[in-house]
N, C-alpha and C. Protein backbone atom coordinates (compact mmCIF):
# COMPACT_ATOMS: atom_id res chain seq x y z
N MET A 1 -51.36 -54.59 -186.03
CA MET A 1 -50.99 -53.12 -185.80
C MET A 1 -52.11 -52.53 -186.98
N ILE A 2 -51.93 -51.14 -186.42
CA ILE A 2 -52.35 -49.70 -186.57
C ILE A 2 -52.78 -49.86 -188.12
N ASP A 3 -53.95 -49.61 -188.25
CA ASP A 3 -53.71 -48.92 -190.08
C ASP A 3 -53.54 -47.62 -190.02
N LEU A 4 -52.44 -46.75 -190.37
CA LEU A 4 -51.88 -45.43 -190.66
C LEU A 4 -51.89 -44.62 -191.86
N SER A 5 -52.79 -45.98 -192.78
CA SER A 5 -53.00 -45.32 -194.36
C SER A 5 -53.85 -44.20 -194.64
N SER A 6 -54.86 -43.96 -193.74
CA SER A 6 -55.13 -42.79 -194.20
C SER A 6 -55.37 -41.69 -193.09
N ASN A 7 -54.26 -41.55 -192.96
CA ASN A 7 -53.08 -40.75 -192.22
C ASN A 7 -52.39 -39.58 -192.53
N LEU A 8 -52.16 -38.60 -192.73
CA LEU A 8 -51.06 -38.44 -193.51
C LEU A 8 -49.29 -39.02 -193.73
N LEU A 9 -49.29 -38.98 -192.18
CA LEU A 9 -47.96 -39.85 -192.26
C LEU A 9 -47.88 -41.35 -192.85
N GLY A 10 -49.03 -41.54 -192.05
CA GLY A 10 -49.13 -42.53 -192.80
C GLY A 10 -49.16 -43.42 -194.56
N ALA A 11 -49.65 -42.42 -195.21
CA ALA A 11 -49.45 -42.50 -196.49
C ALA A 11 -47.83 -42.28 -196.76
N ALA A 12 -47.36 -41.63 -196.12
CA ALA A 12 -45.74 -41.34 -195.88
C ALA A 12 -44.78 -42.80 -195.44
N GLY A 13 -45.53 -43.68 -195.25
CA GLY A 13 -44.91 -44.91 -194.83
C GLY A 13 -44.93 -45.23 -193.19
N ALA A 14 -45.08 -44.21 -192.19
CA ALA A 14 -45.40 -44.11 -190.66
C ALA A 14 -45.58 -45.46 -190.08
N GLY A 15 -45.79 -45.82 -189.49
CA GLY A 15 -46.20 -46.87 -189.03
C GLY A 15 -46.05 -48.18 -189.48
N SER A 16 -45.45 -48.64 -191.16
CA SER A 16 -44.76 -49.82 -191.52
C SER A 16 -44.08 -50.57 -190.98
N ALA A 17 -43.70 -51.52 -191.71
CA ALA A 17 -43.00 -53.16 -191.03
C ALA A 17 -41.62 -51.92 -191.47
N THR A 18 -41.30 -51.31 -192.10
CA THR A 18 -40.19 -50.92 -192.31
C THR A 18 -39.80 -49.40 -191.62
N ALA A 19 -40.43 -48.70 -190.99
CA ALA A 19 -40.01 -48.02 -190.45
C ALA A 19 -40.34 -48.16 -188.80
N ILE A 20 -41.58 -48.89 -188.44
CA ILE A 20 -41.35 -50.06 -187.05
C ILE A 20 -39.66 -49.95 -186.84
N ALA A 21 -39.42 -50.26 -188.06
CA ALA A 21 -37.80 -51.25 -187.52
C ALA A 21 -36.71 -50.60 -188.02
N LEU A 22 -37.14 -49.31 -188.61
CA LEU A 22 -36.17 -48.10 -188.35
C LEU A 22 -35.85 -47.10 -187.73
N ALA A 23 -37.03 -47.24 -186.63
CA ALA A 23 -37.55 -46.18 -185.23
C ALA A 23 -36.68 -47.07 -184.05
N ALA A 24 -37.15 -48.30 -184.51
CA ALA A 24 -35.98 -49.45 -183.53
C ALA A 24 -34.83 -49.18 -183.36
N LEU A 25 -34.40 -49.05 -184.76
CA LEU A 25 -32.87 -48.94 -185.04
C LEU A 25 -31.62 -47.45 -184.13
N LEU A 26 -33.16 -46.32 -184.62
CA LEU A 26 -32.55 -45.70 -184.43
C LEU A 26 -32.90 -45.26 -182.82
N LEU A 27 -33.64 -45.78 -182.73
CA LEU A 27 -33.27 -45.76 -180.79
C LEU A 27 -33.04 -46.89 -179.92
N ARG A 28 -32.11 -47.79 -180.46
CA ARG A 28 -30.79 -48.32 -180.10
C ARG A 28 -29.86 -47.74 -180.44
N LEU A 29 -29.74 -47.05 -181.61
CA LEU A 29 -28.27 -46.32 -181.89
C LEU A 29 -28.81 -45.01 -180.46
N SER A 30 -29.62 -44.40 -180.15
CA SER A 30 -29.18 -43.59 -178.80
C SER A 30 -29.00 -43.89 -177.90
N LEU A 31 -29.66 -45.31 -177.83
CA LEU A 31 -29.26 -45.86 -176.40
C LEU A 31 -28.50 -46.61 -175.85
N GLY A 32 -27.77 -46.51 -177.14
CA GLY A 32 -26.03 -47.53 -177.11
C GLY A 32 -25.51 -46.24 -176.86
N GLY A 33 -25.19 -44.95 -177.79
CA GLY A 33 -24.32 -44.03 -177.63
C GLY A 33 -24.87 -43.32 -176.55
N LEU A 34 -25.78 -43.30 -175.23
CA LEU A 34 -25.97 -42.31 -173.84
C LEU A 34 -25.31 -43.91 -173.63
N PHE A 35 -25.28 -44.72 -173.31
CA PHE A 35 -24.82 -45.94 -172.04
C PHE A 35 -22.97 -45.44 -172.41
N LEU A 36 -22.91 -45.46 -173.89
CA LEU A 36 -20.66 -45.68 -173.51
C LEU A 36 -21.27 -44.19 -173.31
N ALA A 37 -21.85 -42.76 -173.49
CA ALA A 37 -21.05 -41.65 -173.26
C ALA A 37 -21.18 -40.99 -171.50
N HIS A 38 -22.22 -42.13 -170.69
CA HIS A 38 -22.33 -42.81 -169.44
C HIS A 38 -21.10 -43.21 -168.80
N ALA A 39 -21.10 -44.02 -169.49
CA ALA A 39 -19.65 -45.32 -169.09
C ALA A 39 -18.27 -44.11 -168.98
N TYR A 40 -18.30 -43.82 -170.46
CA TYR A 40 -17.23 -42.49 -170.87
C TYR A 40 -16.74 -41.68 -168.92
N LEU A 41 -18.03 -41.16 -168.89
CA LEU A 41 -17.85 -40.38 -168.20
C LEU A 41 -17.45 -40.63 -166.96
N LYS A 42 -17.96 -41.61 -166.21
CA LYS A 42 -17.26 -42.11 -165.05
C LYS A 42 -16.07 -42.87 -165.04
N TYR A 43 -15.39 -43.25 -166.39
CA TYR A 43 -14.26 -43.99 -166.25
C TYR A 43 -13.41 -42.53 -166.22
N PHE A 44 -13.61 -41.40 -166.99
CA PHE A 44 -12.47 -41.14 -167.68
C PHE A 44 -12.58 -39.41 -167.09
N VAL A 45 -13.52 -39.52 -166.95
CA VAL A 45 -13.67 -38.25 -165.99
C VAL A 45 -14.15 -38.40 -164.10
N PHE A 46 -15.00 -39.12 -164.12
CA PHE A 46 -15.19 -39.20 -162.33
C PHE A 46 -13.69 -40.11 -161.81
N THR A 47 -13.69 -41.23 -163.02
CA THR A 47 -12.73 -42.19 -162.53
C THR A 47 -13.70 -43.44 -161.58
N PRO A 48 -13.47 -44.35 -161.74
CA PRO A 48 -13.94 -45.67 -161.49
C PRO A 48 -13.80 -44.99 -159.74
N LYS A 49 -12.79 -44.93 -159.30
CA LYS A 49 -12.47 -44.31 -157.38
C LYS A 49 -13.40 -43.54 -157.67
N GLY A 50 -13.47 -42.70 -157.93
CA GLY A 50 -14.10 -41.34 -157.67
C GLY A 50 -15.98 -42.21 -158.16
N ALA A 51 -16.57 -42.40 -158.99
CA ALA A 51 -17.50 -42.83 -158.76
C ALA A 51 -17.73 -44.07 -158.01
N ALA A 52 -17.13 -44.82 -157.22
CA ALA A 52 -17.64 -45.74 -156.80
C ALA A 52 -17.54 -45.33 -155.43
N GLY A 53 -16.88 -43.77 -154.82
CA GLY A 53 -16.45 -42.81 -153.51
C GLY A 53 -17.96 -42.04 -154.01
N PHE A 54 -18.69 -41.49 -154.91
CA PHE A 54 -20.34 -41.52 -155.00
C PHE A 54 -21.21 -42.35 -154.41
N PHE A 55 -20.78 -43.75 -155.19
CA PHE A 55 -22.33 -44.83 -155.35
C PHE A 55 -21.76 -44.80 -153.81
N ALA A 56 -20.63 -44.73 -152.95
CA ALA A 56 -20.68 -44.96 -151.08
C ALA A 56 -21.36 -43.81 -150.48
N SER A 57 -21.06 -42.66 -151.24
CA SER A 57 -21.90 -41.88 -150.66
C SER A 57 -23.34 -41.75 -150.39
N LEU A 58 -23.86 -42.45 -151.54
CA LEU A 58 -25.35 -42.77 -151.80
C LEU A 58 -25.67 -44.22 -151.33
N GLY A 59 -25.04 -44.65 -150.15
CA GLY A 59 -25.33 -45.55 -149.76
C GLY A 59 -25.27 -47.03 -150.03
N VAL A 60 -24.50 -46.91 -151.31
CA VAL A 60 -24.68 -47.96 -152.01
C VAL A 60 -23.33 -48.46 -152.11
N PRO A 61 -22.82 -50.17 -152.12
CA PRO A 61 -21.50 -50.64 -151.99
C PRO A 61 -20.83 -50.18 -153.08
N GLY A 62 -20.05 -49.49 -152.58
CA GLY A 62 -18.85 -48.66 -154.28
C GLY A 62 -18.25 -49.19 -154.91
N TRP A 63 -18.22 -50.94 -155.18
CA TRP A 63 -18.05 -51.39 -156.19
C TRP A 63 -19.53 -52.29 -157.02
N PHE A 64 -20.64 -51.34 -156.51
CA PHE A 64 -21.10 -51.29 -157.94
C PHE A 64 -21.39 -50.12 -158.99
N ALA A 65 -20.06 -49.38 -158.30
CA ALA A 65 -19.72 -48.33 -159.83
C ALA A 65 -19.31 -49.01 -160.48
N TYR A 66 -17.96 -50.05 -160.50
CA TYR A 66 -17.33 -51.05 -161.37
C TYR A 66 -18.33 -51.68 -162.21
N LEU A 67 -19.61 -52.42 -161.41
CA LEU A 67 -20.55 -53.26 -161.92
C LEU A 67 -21.45 -52.10 -162.72
N THR A 68 -21.73 -50.77 -162.42
CA THR A 68 -22.11 -50.11 -163.58
C THR A 68 -21.28 -49.64 -164.71
N ILE A 69 -20.04 -49.76 -164.90
CA ILE A 69 -19.42 -49.01 -165.78
C ILE A 69 -19.24 -50.19 -167.22
N ALA A 70 -19.25 -51.49 -166.13
CA ALA A 70 -18.85 -52.25 -167.09
C ALA A 70 -20.65 -53.10 -167.58
N ALA A 71 -21.59 -52.58 -167.35
CA ALA A 71 -22.34 -52.91 -167.50
C ALA A 71 -23.18 -51.64 -168.70
N GLU A 72 -22.96 -50.26 -168.78
CA GLU A 72 -23.03 -49.71 -169.39
C GLU A 72 -22.17 -49.81 -170.61
N THR A 73 -21.16 -50.05 -171.01
CA THR A 73 -19.58 -50.27 -171.57
C THR A 73 -20.19 -51.48 -172.56
N LEU A 74 -20.43 -52.62 -171.95
CA LEU A 74 -20.84 -53.55 -172.66
C LEU A 74 -22.44 -53.65 -172.87
N GLY A 75 -23.19 -53.09 -172.59
CA GLY A 75 -24.93 -52.94 -172.95
C GLY A 75 -24.68 -52.06 -173.81
N GLY A 76 -24.46 -50.88 -174.14
CA GLY A 76 -24.42 -49.64 -174.69
C GLY A 76 -23.65 -50.14 -176.50
N ILE A 77 -22.23 -51.09 -176.55
CA ILE A 77 -22.11 -52.17 -177.42
C ILE A 77 -22.90 -52.96 -178.02
N ALA A 78 -23.06 -53.84 -176.62
CA ALA A 78 -24.78 -54.41 -177.58
C ALA A 78 -25.98 -53.57 -178.29
N LEU A 79 -26.07 -52.78 -177.68
CA LEU A 79 -27.51 -52.08 -178.36
C LEU A 79 -27.06 -51.27 -179.58
N ILE A 80 -25.90 -50.95 -179.83
CA ILE A 80 -25.04 -50.30 -181.82
C ILE A 80 -25.40 -51.65 -182.04
N LEU A 81 -24.94 -52.88 -181.62
CA LEU A 81 -24.51 -53.66 -182.74
C LEU A 81 -26.17 -54.51 -182.79
N GLY A 82 -26.87 -54.33 -182.26
CA GLY A 82 -27.99 -55.52 -182.07
C GLY A 82 -28.45 -56.41 -181.63
N PHE A 83 -27.73 -56.88 -180.20
CA PHE A 83 -27.23 -58.03 -179.74
C PHE A 83 -28.22 -58.59 -178.33
N GLN A 84 -29.04 -59.03 -178.90
CA GLN A 84 -30.53 -59.55 -177.73
C GLN A 84 -30.84 -58.32 -177.70
N THR A 85 -31.00 -57.56 -178.21
CA THR A 85 -31.78 -56.49 -177.80
C THR A 85 -32.16 -56.13 -176.79
N SER A 86 -33.38 -56.85 -176.82
CA SER A 86 -34.23 -57.23 -176.01
C SER A 86 -34.05 -57.15 -174.81
N LEU A 87 -33.50 -58.32 -174.32
CA LEU A 87 -32.46 -58.58 -172.80
C LEU A 87 -31.57 -57.83 -172.39
N VAL A 88 -30.48 -57.38 -173.44
CA VAL A 88 -29.78 -56.27 -172.58
C VAL A 88 -30.85 -55.08 -172.18
N ALA A 89 -31.80 -54.49 -173.02
CA ALA A 89 -32.79 -53.12 -172.57
C ALA A 89 -33.04 -53.62 -171.62
N LEU A 90 -33.39 -54.53 -171.23
CA LEU A 90 -34.58 -54.96 -170.14
C LEU A 90 -33.22 -55.33 -168.88
N LEU A 91 -32.45 -56.06 -169.15
CA LEU A 91 -31.28 -55.95 -168.16
C LEU A 91 -31.05 -54.66 -167.53
N LEU A 92 -31.05 -53.22 -168.80
CA LEU A 92 -30.30 -51.80 -168.62
C LEU A 92 -31.47 -51.34 -167.24
N ILE A 93 -32.40 -51.37 -167.78
CA ILE A 93 -33.42 -50.89 -166.58
C ILE A 93 -33.39 -50.48 -165.34
N PRO A 94 -32.74 -51.52 -164.67
CA PRO A 94 -32.62 -51.41 -163.04
C PRO A 94 -31.42 -50.13 -162.89
N THR A 95 -30.41 -50.18 -163.64
CA THR A 95 -29.60 -49.42 -163.62
C THR A 95 -29.88 -47.85 -163.60
N LEU A 96 -30.41 -47.46 -164.27
CA LEU A 96 -31.31 -46.57 -164.92
C LEU A 96 -32.70 -46.53 -163.87
N LEU A 97 -33.78 -46.99 -163.10
CA LEU A 97 -34.07 -46.79 -161.75
C LEU A 97 -33.12 -46.54 -160.87
N GLY A 98 -31.97 -47.06 -160.84
CA GLY A 98 -31.17 -46.48 -159.17
C GLY A 98 -30.63 -45.55 -159.44
N ALA A 99 -30.41 -45.16 -160.61
CA ALA A 99 -29.91 -43.55 -160.80
C ALA A 99 -30.87 -42.91 -160.30
N ALA A 100 -32.16 -42.82 -161.03
CA ALA A 100 -33.48 -42.28 -160.81
C ALA A 100 -33.78 -42.14 -158.81
N ILE A 101 -33.26 -42.90 -158.49
CA ILE A 101 -34.21 -43.02 -157.18
C ILE A 101 -33.35 -42.98 -156.52
N LEU A 102 -31.90 -43.11 -156.44
CA LEU A 102 -31.03 -43.19 -155.52
C LEU A 102 -30.40 -41.88 -156.05
N ALA A 103 -29.56 -41.43 -157.04
CA ALA A 103 -28.75 -41.02 -157.16
C ALA A 103 -29.86 -38.75 -157.42
N HIS A 104 -30.99 -39.21 -157.98
CA HIS A 104 -31.54 -37.94 -158.32
C HIS A 104 -32.84 -37.85 -158.06
N GLY A 105 -33.64 -39.18 -157.06
CA GLY A 105 -34.61 -39.02 -156.50
C GLY A 105 -34.77 -37.61 -155.41
N LYS A 106 -33.52 -37.75 -154.25
CA LYS A 106 -34.20 -36.45 -153.62
C LYS A 106 -34.22 -35.16 -154.58
N ASN A 107 -33.96 -35.02 -155.46
CA ASN A 107 -33.81 -33.70 -156.19
C ASN A 107 -35.31 -33.62 -157.12
N GLY A 108 -35.62 -34.02 -156.15
CA GLY A 108 -37.15 -33.77 -157.74
C GLY A 108 -37.21 -33.82 -158.57
N PHE A 109 -38.54 -33.66 -159.54
CA PHE A 109 -38.33 -34.46 -160.68
C PHE A 109 -37.94 -33.93 -161.46
N TRP A 110 -37.47 -32.61 -162.20
CA TRP A 110 -37.64 -31.89 -163.32
C TRP A 110 -35.13 -31.70 -163.35
N PHE A 111 -35.07 -32.56 -164.90
CA PHE A 111 -33.66 -32.89 -164.32
C PHE A 111 -32.64 -31.36 -163.90
N ASN A 112 -33.95 -30.11 -164.63
CA ASN A 112 -32.69 -29.34 -164.84
C ASN A 112 -32.44 -28.32 -163.23
N ASN A 113 -33.42 -28.73 -162.50
CA ASN A 113 -33.35 -28.99 -160.87
C ASN A 113 -31.68 -28.94 -160.25
N PRO A 114 -31.37 -28.23 -159.32
CA PRO A 114 -29.57 -28.70 -158.62
C PRO A 114 -28.79 -30.15 -158.32
N ASN A 115 -28.25 -30.80 -159.08
CA ASN A 115 -27.73 -31.91 -159.06
C ASN A 115 -28.76 -32.31 -160.14
N GLY A 116 -29.34 -32.09 -160.70
CA GLY A 116 -30.49 -32.83 -161.94
C GLY A 116 -31.73 -33.44 -160.86
N GLY A 117 -32.87 -33.47 -161.09
CA GLY A 117 -33.99 -34.42 -161.07
C GLY A 117 -34.34 -35.88 -161.41
N TRP A 118 -35.02 -36.66 -161.41
CA TRP A 118 -35.22 -38.15 -161.96
C TRP A 118 -35.31 -38.55 -163.07
N GLU A 119 -36.21 -37.35 -163.53
CA GLU A 119 -37.15 -36.84 -164.88
C GLU A 119 -36.52 -37.58 -165.79
N TYR A 120 -34.95 -37.22 -166.21
CA TYR A 120 -34.15 -37.37 -167.43
C TYR A 120 -33.82 -39.56 -166.91
N PRO A 121 -33.93 -39.86 -166.07
CA PRO A 121 -33.48 -41.40 -165.95
C PRO A 121 -34.45 -42.50 -165.94
N ALA A 122 -35.51 -41.49 -165.31
CA ALA A 122 -36.72 -42.43 -165.48
C ALA A 122 -37.56 -42.38 -167.07
N PHE A 123 -37.33 -41.36 -167.61
CA PHE A 123 -37.60 -41.40 -168.99
C PHE A 123 -36.61 -42.26 -170.22
N TRP A 124 -35.37 -42.21 -168.86
CA TRP A 124 -34.37 -43.74 -170.23
C TRP A 124 -34.54 -44.66 -169.92
N ALA A 125 -35.23 -44.80 -168.83
CA ALA A 125 -35.56 -46.26 -168.57
C ALA A 125 -36.84 -46.77 -168.83
N VAL A 126 -38.02 -45.81 -169.50
CA VAL A 126 -39.03 -46.60 -169.98
C VAL A 126 -38.55 -46.56 -170.78
N THR A 127 -37.75 -45.75 -172.04
CA THR A 127 -37.35 -46.09 -173.38
C THR A 127 -36.56 -47.14 -173.23
N LEU A 128 -36.40 -47.81 -172.61
CA LEU A 128 -35.47 -49.26 -172.58
C LEU A 128 -36.06 -49.95 -172.79
N LEU A 129 -37.95 -49.95 -171.79
CA LEU A 129 -38.87 -51.03 -171.92
C LEU A 129 -39.30 -50.90 -173.52
N ILE A 130 -39.42 -50.01 -173.92
CA ILE A 130 -40.11 -49.62 -175.68
C ILE A 130 -39.18 -50.59 -176.17
N GLN A 131 -37.51 -50.00 -175.81
CA GLN A 131 -37.13 -50.99 -176.78
C GLN A 131 -36.83 -52.25 -177.13
N ALA A 132 -37.05 -52.66 -175.61
CA ALA A 132 -37.36 -54.36 -174.96
C ALA A 132 -38.68 -54.93 -176.17
N LEU A 133 -39.77 -53.85 -175.98
CA LEU A 133 -40.95 -54.97 -176.89
C LEU A 133 -40.72 -54.53 -178.51
N LEU A 134 -39.93 -53.67 -178.86
CA LEU A 134 -39.84 -53.51 -180.61
C LEU A 134 -38.96 -53.99 -180.49
N GLY A 135 -37.81 -54.61 -180.35
CA GLY A 135 -36.45 -55.78 -180.48
C GLY A 135 -35.66 -54.95 -180.87
N GLY A 136 -34.88 -55.59 -181.83
CA GLY A 136 -33.29 -54.81 -182.48
C GLY A 136 -33.74 -53.76 -184.04
N GLY A 137 -34.59 -54.39 -184.37
CA GLY A 137 -34.93 -53.70 -185.27
C GLY A 137 -33.95 -53.60 -186.80
N ALA A 138 -33.91 -52.82 -187.45
CA ALA A 138 -33.16 -52.93 -188.79
C ALA A 138 -31.65 -53.44 -188.38
N LEU A 139 -31.04 -54.31 -188.54
CA LEU A 139 -29.74 -53.84 -188.93
C LEU A 139 -29.19 -54.72 -187.85
N ALA A 140 -29.84 -55.52 -186.74
CA ALA A 140 -29.53 -56.22 -185.46
C ALA A 140 -28.99 -57.62 -185.63
N LEU A 141 -27.91 -57.88 -184.66
CA LEU A 141 -27.25 -59.22 -184.79
C LEU A 141 -28.50 -60.18 -185.09
N THR A 142 -29.25 -59.99 -183.59
CA THR A 142 -30.71 -60.50 -183.48
C THR A 142 -31.35 -60.11 -182.95
N ALA A 143 -32.37 -60.53 -182.13
CA ALA A 143 -33.79 -59.77 -181.77
C ALA A 143 -33.66 -59.30 -180.85
């Protein structure tokens, strides 16, 4: 582990095992909440049928929308609870890469581009990899 004790923030505890465990918890809760929000959007706003139609318009079988809604819901809950955090985070990465490439790739990099670019889902995929490397952190049911 990197010794941050001579750093101003290190003196306040940054980089300690406790701080890393808390950081993993905060990241886990944020990611889980975002996945639940996206599942909610697909289920209650776009509707599963509408999401399936959108997936089909991208050249992806419509049933993938139902699989995505289930993955986002179950994955979000698992992340919030800290259940098999590293495995769940890794398993959710293809969902975000699919969104980055298929739904947002043609819109350019910046997410504020019309229809959203691939910046946000790509960054979200990286945060899932970081979560997988960190593990569940504080208050996780399992690593």
